Amino acid sequence: MSIATQGVNDALTVKLWSQRMDVEALKETTAYEFMGEGAGSLCQIMTETKKGAGDRIRWGIRMLATGAGTTENETQEGNEEGLTRYYDELLINELGHAHRVRNEGTIDRQRVPYDMREECYDSLKDWNADRIDTWFFNQLAGNTVETNGKFLGFNAAIAPSSTRVFRGGAVANDQSMSSDTQKFTLSLIDKAVNRAKTASPMIRPIKGLGKDVDYVCFIHPDQTLSLRADTATAGNWFDLQGKRLQGGEKDNNGLYTGMLGIYNRTLIVENYRVPQGINSGTNVAVANTRRAIFCGAQASSLAFGKNNAKNKFKWTEDLFDYDRELGVRSSFIAGMKKTVYNSVDYGTIVLGSYAAPAS
């Protein structure tokens, strides 16, 4: 009787692992929760490079016309208004990482009770998830200290534009945030919401977050510590959350699991990858500071390479030394960038603050 088998190096098995990497690695990122192909997503997935050739996407925005228009007894000819358009662009490249371990049939594998192939998978899954979130927060915060494209989504970080920054204590730069008088408070979110609504073009609300939420603010755990410790400011976070619970309110959208709460139509999300502040003179990180990021729609853009639409991650295996060693590599083609038009951040506002860890 003939029995079909599927060995450790079967091509179908490799394909299956590639699909697993796609599903599980992305879902373990914070960025994944806010990705979508629609223009209302916080991180918009651009689709141009999925089917066509090229390593660059360029797209534009048309600004709102500002002319007064004409009325009776006024001539239209000679009073036309030109179209004002700006553009942004995104580069993509290949990124991969690999492990090499002893294969089945060796004494090394005999000595351990676990599957080394599965261990490689878990390790590379975590590595990919960490890298995508690192791209996400370095780009959104304008972390110019980082210059290696492998940690930036292959697009240089752009410092926050001057009209898209608020700091604790209203100080002029990140290096001036040096005490509790510049800590993170809810008033920074109030300022960001006001700026989002009055900016030109306005920072648009994110779609799909729920009827009571328009924006997202990512903060570092040290900034969370400041929020929780604030008992002096009127309407502080601790008092507001307590009153919401007493009133029977709760966040029942599954997206909010593990989130800190909602304030002024802004979902507050904690993540340890939120970068430090940056010295404007020396371009080095400033200790005990963090750059929270307030985001609206299309705050960043992400693109994958050709044929990377369904299986964004490629899983490759190879054997060495007469099959005694197994090498596995996970790779993908992608790029990420903060959206900027005419040198102005389109969907982000940085909220810098003094943020010392617990002691």
Protein backbone atom coordinates (compact mmCIF):
# COMPACT_ATOMS: atom_id res chain seq x y z
CA MET A 1 0.00 0.00 0.00
CA SER A 2 1.33 3.44 -0.96
CA ILE A 3 1.16 6.12 1.75
CA ALA A 4 1.64 9.81 0.96
CA THR A 5 3.92 11.59 3.40
CA GLN A 6 4.95 15.20 3.99
CA GLY A 7 8.53 15.43 5.18
CA VAL A 8 10.31 18.14 7.09
CA ASN A 9 11.63 19.73 3.90
CA ASP A 10 8.53 19.26 1.76
CA ALA A 11 7.77 22.27 -0.48
CA LEU A 12 4.15 22.39 0.68
CA THR A 13 5.28 22.56 4.28
CA VAL A 14 7.46 25.56 3.49
CA LYS A 15 4.50 27.33 1.86
CA LEU A 16 2.37 26.65 4.91
CA TRP A 17 5.00 28.13 7.20
CA SER A 18 5.14 31.22 4.98
CA GLN A 19 1.41 31.73 5.44
CA ARG A 20 1.71 31.24 9.19
CA MET A 21 4.46 33.87 9.35
CA ASP A 22 2.25 36.33 7.50
CA VAL A 23 -0.74 35.87 9.77
CA GLU A 24 0.96 35.56 13.14
CA ALA A 25 3.83 38.05 12.80
CA LEU A 26 1.64 40.94 11.68
CA LYS A 27 -1.07 40.26 14.25
CA GLU A 28 1.46 40.56 17.06
CA THR A 29 2.28 44.14 16.14
CA THR A 30 0.59 47.29 17.42
CA ALA A 31 0.77 48.74 13.90
CA TYR A 32 -1.36 45.91 12.47
CA GLU A 33 -4.38 47.01 14.50
CA PHE A 34 -4.40 50.34 12.69
CA MET A 35 -3.56 49.24 9.13
CA GLY A 36 -5.96 49.24 6.21
CA GLU A 37 -6.13 49.97 2.49
CA GLY A 38 -8.71 52.73 2.93
CA ALA A 39 -7.82 56.42 3.20
CA GLY A 40 -9.47 56.46 6.64
CA SER A 41 -6.87 54.14 8.18
CA LEU A 42 -4.14 55.43 10.49
CA CYS A 43 -1.56 53.48 8.48
CA GLN A 44 -2.69 53.18 4.87
CA ILE A 45 -1.47 50.16 2.91
CA MET A 46 -0.58 51.32 -0.58
CA THR A 47 -1.37 48.72 -3.24
CA GLU A 48 0.47 50.01 -6.31
CA THR A 49 3.53 47.74 -5.86
CA LYS A 50 1.57 44.54 -5.21
CA LYS A 51 1.00 43.89 -8.91
CA GLY A 52 3.38 46.17 -10.77
CA ALA A 53 7.14 46.56 -10.93
CA GLY A 54 9.07 49.31 -9.16
CA ASP A 55 10.47 50.13 -5.74
CA ARG A 56 8.86 53.56 -5.28
CA ILE A 57 5.31 54.88 -4.94
CA ARG A 58 4.50 58.56 -5.42
CA TRP A 59 1.06 59.98 -4.66
CA GLY A 60 -0.42 63.46 -4.38
CA ILE A 61 -2.93 65.58 -2.54
CA ARG A 62 -4.99 68.44 -3.96
CA MET A 63 -5.46 71.35 -1.59
CA LEU A 64 -8.81 73.08 -1.11
CA ALA A 65 -9.35 76.04 -3.45
CA THR A 66 -9.24 79.36 -1.57
CA GLY A 67 -10.37 81.94 -4.15
CA ALA A 68 -13.35 84.24 -3.37
CA GLY A 69 -15.12 83.37 -6.62
CA THR A 70 -17.01 85.76 -8.90
CA THR A 71 -20.49 87.23 -8.87
CA GLU A 72 -22.59 89.51 -11.09
CA ASN A 73 -20.77 92.13 -13.15
CA GLU A 74 -17.45 90.38 -12.49
CA THR A 75 -15.40 88.72 -15.19
CA GLN A 76 -14.32 85.14 -14.59
CA GLU A 77 -11.60 85.20 -17.26
CA GLY A 78 -8.36 86.29 -15.68
CA ASN A 79 -9.60 85.45 -12.18
CA GLU A 80 -9.16 81.70 -12.36
CA GLU A 81 -7.32 79.85 -9.58
CA GLY A 82 -4.67 77.23 -10.30
CA LEU A 83 -4.73 73.81 -8.69
CA THR A 84 -2.40 73.44 -5.71
CA ARG A 85 -1.02 69.92 -5.43
CA TYR A 86 1.66 68.34 -3.25
CA TYR A 87 3.08 64.83 -3.25
CA ASP A 88 4.79 62.29 -1.03
CA GLU A 89 6.67 59.13 -1.96
CA LEU A 90 7.56 55.80 -0.38
CA LEU A 91 10.48 53.44 -1.05
CA ILE A 92 10.36 49.68 -0.50
CA ASN A 93 13.18 47.17 -0.12
CA GLU A 94 13.86 43.62 1.02
CA LEU A 95 14.42 42.72 4.66
CA GLY A 96 15.12 39.28 6.01
CA HIS A 97 16.72 37.38 8.85
CA ALA A 98 17.74 33.75 9.35
CA HIS A 99 18.70 31.05 11.85
CA ARG A 100 20.92 28.01 11.34
CA VAL A 101 20.55 24.99 13.61
CA ARG A 102 21.42 21.29 13.73
CA ASN A 103 19.08 19.15 11.67
CA GLU A 104 17.24 15.99 12.59
CA GLY A 105 19.43 12.90 12.91
CA THR A 106 22.21 14.68 14.78
CA ILE A 107 23.18 14.23 18.43
CA ASP A 108 22.44 17.93 19.05
CA ARG A 109 18.78 17.41 18.19
CA GLN A 110 18.75 14.21 20.22
CA ARG A 111 19.73 16.15 23.35
CA VAL A 112 16.74 18.53 23.37
CA PRO A 113 13.02 17.69 23.59
CA TYR A 114 11.74 20.55 21.44
CA ASP A 115 11.40 21.12 17.71
CA MET A 116 14.24 23.38 16.55
CA ARG A 117 12.39 24.24 13.37
CA GLU A 118 9.47 25.52 15.45
CA GLU A 119 11.91 27.43 17.65
CA CYS A 120 13.32 29.15 14.55
CA TYR A 121 9.81 30.00 13.43
CA ASP A 122 8.88 31.53 16.79
CA SER A 123 12.10 33.52 16.94
CA LEU A 124 11.75 34.93 13.40
CA LYS A 125 8.06 35.70 13.98
CA ASP A 126 8.97 37.79 17.03
CA TRP A 127 11.82 39.46 15.12
CA ASN A 128 9.54 40.47 12.25
CA ALA A 129 6.83 41.77 14.58
CA ASP A 130 9.35 43.82 16.55
CA ARG A 131 10.87 45.28 13.38
CA ILE A 132 7.56 46.41 11.87
CA ASP A 133 6.54 48.15 15.09
CA THR A 134 10.00 49.72 15.26
CA TRP A 135 9.43 51.11 11.75
CA PHE A 136 6.02 52.36 12.80
CA PHE A 137 7.07 54.33 15.88
CA ASN A 138 10.38 55.64 14.52
CA GLN A 139 8.55 57.04 11.50
CA LEU A 140 5.58 58.52 13.36
CA ALA A 141 7.78 60.20 16.00
CA GLY A 142 10.32 61.51 13.47
CA ASN A 143 13.17 59.70 15.22
CA THR A 144 16.09 61.25 13.32
CA VAL A 145 18.60 59.72 15.75
CA GLU A 146 18.05 56.43 13.93
CA THR A 147 19.68 56.53 10.49
CA ASN A 148 19.76 52.84 9.55
CA GLY A 149 17.03 52.25 6.96
CA LYS A 150 16.51 48.70 8.25
CA PHE A 151 14.96 50.23 11.37
CA LEU A 152 13.04 52.95 9.52
CA GLY A 153 11.14 51.08 6.83
CA PHE A 154 13.79 52.10 4.22
CA ASN A 155 12.67 55.75 4.32
CA ALA A 156 14.56 58.40 6.27
CA ALA A 157 12.87 59.68 9.42
CA ILE A 158 11.61 63.26 9.10
CA ALA A 159 11.67 65.55 12.13
CA PRO A 160 8.23 66.79 13.24
CA SER A 161 7.24 70.01 11.48
CA SER A 162 7.13 73.08 13.74
CA THR A 163 3.34 73.34 13.68
CA ARG A 164 2.92 69.70 14.68
CA VAL A 165 4.68 69.68 18.06
CA PHE A 166 3.51 70.38 21.60
CA ARG A 167 5.63 69.84 24.68
CA GLY A 168 4.94 69.61 28.37
CA GLY A 169 5.37 73.00 30.02
CA ALA A 170 5.29 74.62 26.54
CA VAL A 171 9.11 74.57 26.39
CA ALA A 172 10.88 75.31 23.11
CA ASN A 173 12.73 72.03 22.55
CA ASP A 174 13.10 68.47 23.81
CA GLN A 175 16.32 69.11 25.73
CA SER A 176 14.47 71.66 27.89
CA MET A 177 12.12 68.99 29.27
CA SER A 178 13.92 68.21 32.50
CA SER A 179 11.43 68.16 35.37
CA ASP A 180 7.91 67.21 36.41
CA THR A 181 6.68 70.62 35.26
CA GLN A 182 7.04 69.27 31.70
CA LYS A 183 5.37 65.89 32.27
CA PHE A 184 2.63 64.35 30.12
CA THR A 185 -0.90 65.51 30.97
CA LEU A 186 -4.27 65.37 29.25
CA SER A 187 -3.91 69.02 28.27
CA LEU A 188 -1.42 67.97 25.59
CA ILE A 189 -4.11 65.82 23.98
CA ASP A 190 -6.53 68.78 24.16
CA LYS A 191 -4.02 70.91 22.27
CA ALA A 192 -3.49 68.20 19.67
CA VAL A 193 -7.23 67.77 19.07
CA ASN A 194 -7.61 71.52 18.64
CA ARG A 195 -4.72 71.65 16.18
CA ALA A 196 -6.08 68.64 14.27
CA LYS A 197 -9.43 70.37 13.75
CA THR A 198 -8.02 73.78 12.82
CA ALA A 199 -5.01 72.76 10.71
CA SER A 200 -5.00 73.31 6.96
CA PRO A 201 -5.46 70.70 5.71
CA MET A 202 -7.13 69.36 8.83
CA ILE A 203 -5.98 66.10 10.39
CA ARG A 204 -8.85 63.81 9.48
CA PRO A 205 -10.48 61.39 11.93
CA ILE A 206 -9.57 57.70 11.67
CA LYS A 207 -12.38 55.46 10.47
CA GLY A 208 -13.43 52.28 12.23
CA LEU A 209 -12.45 53.09 15.81
CA GLY A 210 -16.01 53.44 17.08
CA LYS A 211 -18.55 56.23 17.31
CA ASP A 212 -16.79 57.97 20.21
CA VAL A 213 -13.23 57.87 18.84
CA ASP A 214 -11.60 59.94 16.09
CA TYR A 215 -7.89 59.85 16.90
CA VAL A 216 -5.20 57.67 18.52
CA CYS A 217 -2.41 58.80 20.84
CA PHE A 218 0.52 56.45 21.46
CA ILE A 219 2.34 57.06 24.74
CA HIS A 220 5.30 55.43 26.49
CA PRO A 221 4.84 53.56 29.82
CA ASP A 222 6.85 56.31 31.54
CA GLN A 223 4.29 58.83 30.26
CA THR A 224 1.53 56.57 31.55
CA LEU A 225 3.22 56.80 34.94
CA SER A 226 2.92 60.59 34.75
CA LEU A 227 -0.76 60.38 33.84
CA ARG A 228 -1.55 58.06 36.74
CA ALA A 229 0.44 60.15 39.21
CA ASP A 230 -1.28 63.40 38.23
CA THR A 231 -3.70 64.29 41.02
CA ALA A 232 -3.22 68.06 40.99
CA THR A 233 -4.51 68.95 37.53
CA ALA A 234 -8.24 69.57 37.30
CA GLY A 235 -9.96 66.84 35.31
CA ASN A 236 -6.93 64.55 35.48
CA TRP A 237 -6.93 61.12 33.88
CA PHE A 238 -7.38 59.17 37.10
CA ASP A 239 -10.49 61.14 38.13
CA LEU A 240 -12.07 60.94 34.69
CA GLN A 241 -11.59 57.19 34.38
CA GLY A 242 -13.03 56.66 37.85
CA LYS A 243 -16.13 58.68 37.00
CA ARG A 244 -16.62 56.75 33.76
CA LEU A 245 -16.56 53.44 35.60
CA GLN A 246 -18.90 54.74 38.29
CA GLY A 247 -21.30 55.80 35.56
CA GLY A 248 -21.30 52.31 34.08
CA GLU A 249 -19.34 53.21 30.95
CA LYS A 250 -16.82 50.83 29.45
CA ASP A 251 -14.86 50.32 26.25
CA ASN A 252 -16.63 47.40 24.59
CA ASN A 253 -14.84 47.47 21.24
CA GLY A 254 -12.42 44.55 21.04
CA LEU A 255 -9.74 46.88 19.69
CA TYR A 256 -9.56 48.61 23.07
CA THR A 257 -8.39 45.53 24.98
CA GLY A 258 -5.31 46.58 26.91
CA MET A 259 -5.71 50.23 25.96
CA LEU A 260 -5.57 52.97 28.58
CA GLY A 261 -8.87 54.62 27.78
CA ILE A 262 -10.51 57.36 25.73
CA TYR A 263 -10.19 61.09 26.27
CA ASN A 264 -11.52 63.89 24.05
CA ARG A 265 -12.39 61.39 21.31
CA THR A 266 -8.81 60.09 21.43
CA LEU A 267 -7.88 56.47 22.13
CA ILE A 268 -4.78 56.35 24.35
CA VAL A 269 -2.52 53.39 23.55
CA GLU A 270 0.60 52.48 25.49
CA ASN A 271 3.72 51.10 23.78
CA TYR A 272 7.29 50.85 25.02
CA ARG A 273 8.69 51.56 21.54
CA VAL A 274 7.64 55.24 21.66
CA PRO A 275 11.04 56.97 21.17
CA GLN A 276 12.85 59.43 23.38
CA GLY A 277 12.99 63.14 22.72
CA ILE A 278 15.84 64.47 20.59
CA ASN A 279 18.29 67.28 21.26
CA SER A 280 17.68 69.78 18.46
CA GLY A 281 21.32 70.89 18.44
CA THR A 282 23.18 67.58 18.61
CA ASN A 283 20.56 65.13 17.26
CA VAL A 284 21.04 62.71 20.16
CA ALA A 285 18.38 61.19 22.39
CA VAL A 286 17.47 63.13 25.54
CA ALA A 287 17.32 60.97 28.67
CA ASN A 288 14.04 60.84 30.66
CA THR A 289 11.95 62.22 27.80
CA ARG A 290 9.49 60.62 25.37
CA ARG A 291 7.69 61.62 22.19
CA ALA A 292 4.06 60.57 22.36
CA ILE A 293 2.40 60.60 18.93
CA PHE A 294 -1.13 61.85 18.26
CA CYS A 295 -2.42 60.40 14.98
CA GLY A 296 -5.24 60.94 12.53
CA ALA A 297 -6.05 59.23 9.25
CA GLN A 298 -3.17 58.52 6.83
CA ALA A 299 -0.56 59.35 9.45
CA SER A 300 1.73 56.82 7.77
CA SER A 301 1.87 54.69 4.65
CA LEU A 302 3.02 51.10 4.16
CA ALA A 303 3.64 49.20 0.93
CA PHE A 304 4.58 45.61 0.15
CA GLY A 305 6.42 44.28 -2.89
CA LYS A 306 5.09 42.45 -5.93
CA ASN A 307 3.45 39.11 -5.15
CA ASN A 308 3.69 40.00 -1.45
CA ALA A 309 -0.02 40.69 -1.10
CA LYS A 310 -1.28 37.43 0.40
CA ASN A 311 1.95 35.95 1.72
CA LYS A 312 3.86 39.03 2.73
CA PHE A 313 6.55 36.92 4.40
CA LYS A 314 8.64 34.40 2.51
CA TRP A 315 9.92 31.32 4.33
CA THR A 316 13.01 29.64 2.85
CA GLU A 317 14.84 26.54 4.08
CA ASP A 318 18.20 25.11 3.09
CA LEU A 319 20.36 22.18 4.20
CA PHE A 320 24.12 22.25 4.79
CA ASP A 321 26.93 19.85 5.63
CA TYR A 322 25.32 16.68 4.24
CA ASP A 323 21.91 17.57 5.73
CA ARG A 324 23.36 17.90 9.24
CA GLU A 325 22.42 21.59 9.50
CA LEU A 326 19.14 23.34 8.72
CA GLY A 327 18.98 27.00 7.76
CA VAL A 328 15.69 28.91 7.75
CA ARG A 329 15.11 32.47 6.57
CA SER A 330 12.09 34.74 6.74
CA SER A 331 11.99 37.74 4.43
CA PHE A 332 9.60 40.29 2.98
CA ILE A 333 9.64 43.30 0.66
CA ALA A 334 8.09 46.41 2.17
CA GLY A 335 8.59 50.02 3.17
CA MET A 336 6.97 52.48 5.58
CA LYS A 337 6.94 56.26 5.89
CA LYS A 338 5.26 59.07 7.82
CA THR A 339 3.03 61.03 5.45
CA VAL A 340 4.34 64.56 4.75
CA TYR A 341 3.03 67.10 2.21
CA ASN A 342 4.77 70.39 1.46
CA SER A 343 7.14 69.80 4.41
CA VAL A 344 4.24 69.54 6.89
CA ASP A 345 3.27 66.35 8.73
CA TYR A 346 -0.11 65.33 7.38
CA GLY A 347 -1.57 63.13 10.12
CA THR A 348 0.70 63.31 13.17
CA ILE A 349 1.36 65.63 16.10
CA VAL A 350 4.25 64.88 18.47
CA LEU A 351 3.57 65.42 22.18
CA GLY A 352 6.91 65.57 23.95
CA SER A 353 7.25 65.39 27.72
CA TYR A 354 9.57 64.72 30.60
CA ALA A 355 9.12 61.02 31.38
CA ALA A 356 11.34 59.46 34.02
CA PRO A 357 11.00 55.72 34.81
CA ALA A 358 9.80 54.55 38.21
CA SER A 359 12.39 54.66 40.95
